[in-house]
Every structure is written in C-alpha cells, then in structure tokens.
Amino acid sequence: MSCRRFWISGRVQGVFFRESTRREAIAMGLTGYARNLADGRVEVLACGPDDKLAALERWLAKGPPWARVEKVAAEPAADAPPPGFMTG
C-alpha cells in the first residue's frame, strides 16, 4: 500500500469537489481525506494500491462537472493510512 498527497488548483472549492473525491476514492477502495486549503486549493491524501492511486489522479485532473481543474501536483506521502475517507 502506498500513500500520495495531491494538491488541486483551479475552481475546486464550492463545487462539491471534496465530496465527489470522497465518493470516487471509496469506490476505488482508497483511504484518506480531502480538505480545502486557505489559498483556494484542495489537498487530497489517498492511500491504497498504486493502480488505484493513478486512477484517482486521473479523476482529480477532471474533477466533478462543476469544477475547473487547472493543475494537479502530487508527491509520495509517508503518512500512515487513515481509516475510511473523510472530508474536512
């Protein structure tokens, strides 16, 4: 199991991005969280199999229909896998 941290920029707050991410991640069997950042980005920590993390990254690049994703930055994360998938 691996963990990756993603930062998504664009119009990603106020468009159900976090909840949509939570639903996608749960459907993929991933754990982690999605949260808004003060600078307007969304941060996502996701843990699970590498192929599922790659699939989530592809989904994050599009986001839900109301979002306009401009950029997704990612890096490996050393965090312990959290239980479930939460938004905050």
Protein backbone atom coordinates (compact mmCIF):
# COMPACT_ATOMS: atom_id res chain seq x y z
CA MET A 1 0.00 0.00 0.00
CA SER A 2 1.24 3.49 -0.92
CA CYS A 3 0.12 6.96 0.01
CA ARG A 4 0.15 10.04 -2.22
CA ARG A 5 -0.66 13.66 -1.50
CA PHE A 6 -2.31 15.75 -4.21
CA TRP A 7 -2.88 19.49 -4.47
CA ILE A 8 -5.56 20.53 -6.92
CA SER A 9 -5.85 24.12 -8.16
CA GLY A 10 -8.47 25.92 -10.18
CA ARG A 11 -12.15 26.31 -9.41
CA VAL A 12 -12.21 23.46 -6.91
CA GLN A 13 -13.90 24.94 -3.84
CA GLY A 14 -17.65 25.37 -3.60
CA VAL A 15 -18.28 22.85 -6.41
CA PHE A 16 -18.61 19.62 -4.35
CA PHE A 17 -15.02 18.67 -5.19
CA ARG A 18 -14.24 17.18 -1.77
CA GLU A 19 -17.44 15.12 -1.54
CA SER A 20 -17.08 13.92 -5.14
CA THR A 21 -13.47 12.96 -4.40
CA ARG A 22 -14.57 11.07 -1.29
CA ARG A 23 -17.12 9.08 -3.31
CA GLU A 24 -14.60 8.25 -6.03
CA ALA A 25 -11.95 7.23 -3.52
CA ILE A 26 -14.33 4.99 -1.58
CA ALA A 27 -15.47 3.33 -4.82
CA MET A 28 -11.79 2.62 -5.56
CA GLY A 29 -11.18 1.22 -2.08
CA LEU A 30 -8.84 4.05 -1.05
CA THR A 31 -8.49 5.66 2.36
CA GLY A 32 -7.52 9.23 3.18
CA TYR A 33 -9.06 12.68 3.16
CA ALA A 34 -9.86 15.72 1.04
CA ARG A 35 -9.78 19.20 2.54
CA ASN A 36 -9.95 22.81 1.42
CA LEU A 37 -6.86 24.96 1.84
CA ALA A 38 -6.93 28.67 2.64
CA ASP A 39 -5.27 29.50 -0.71
CA GLY A 40 -8.21 28.07 -2.70
CA ARG A 41 -6.70 24.67 -3.49
CA VAL A 42 -7.92 21.26 -2.34
CA GLU A 43 -5.48 18.86 -0.68
CA VAL A 44 -6.09 15.12 -1.00
CA LEU A 45 -4.23 12.38 0.83
CA ALA A 46 -5.02 8.96 -0.59
CA CYS A 47 -3.66 5.54 0.38
CA GLY A 48 -4.07 2.24 -1.43
CA PRO A 49 -2.75 0.22 -4.36
CA ASP A 50 -0.64 2.13 -6.89
CA ASP A 51 -3.00 1.44 -9.80
CA LYS A 52 -5.94 2.89 -7.83
CA LEU A 53 -3.90 5.96 -6.85
CA ALA A 54 -3.08 6.51 -10.53
CA ALA A 55 -6.79 6.19 -11.38
CA LEU A 56 -7.68 8.74 -8.68
CA GLU A 57 -5.04 11.14 -10.01
CA ARG A 58 -6.60 10.91 -13.48
CA TRP A 59 -10.03 11.59 -11.94
CA LEU A 60 -8.68 14.55 -9.94
CA ALA A 61 -7.41 16.11 -13.17
CA LYS A 62 -11.04 16.35 -14.31
CA GLY A 63 -12.97 16.53 -11.05
CA PRO A 64 -16.75 16.80 -10.83
CA PRO A 65 -18.71 18.55 -13.60
CA TRP A 66 -18.79 21.94 -11.84
CA ALA A 67 -15.03 22.11 -11.23
CA ARG A 68 -12.40 23.62 -13.50
CA VAL A 69 -9.13 21.94 -12.63
CA GLU A 70 -6.06 23.88 -13.71
CA LYS A 71 -3.31 21.80 -12.11
CA VAL A 72 -2.74 18.66 -10.04
CA ALA A 73 0.55 18.41 -8.16
CA ALA A 74 1.42 15.11 -6.46
CA GLU A 75 4.11 13.57 -4.31
CA PRO A 76 4.56 10.38 -2.31
CA ALA A 77 3.40 10.69 1.30
CA ALA A 78 4.81 8.87 4.31
CA ASP A 79 1.57 9.22 6.29
CA ALA A 80 0.09 6.14 7.91
CA PRO A 81 -3.05 5.10 6.05
CA PRO A 82 -6.07 6.60 7.82
CA PRO A 83 -9.27 4.59 8.21
CA GLY A 84 -12.01 5.40 5.70
CA PHE A 85 -12.06 8.54 3.59
CA MET A 86 -13.03 11.85 5.16
CA THR A 87 -13.60 15.43 4.08
CA GLY A 88 -12.73 18.42 6.17
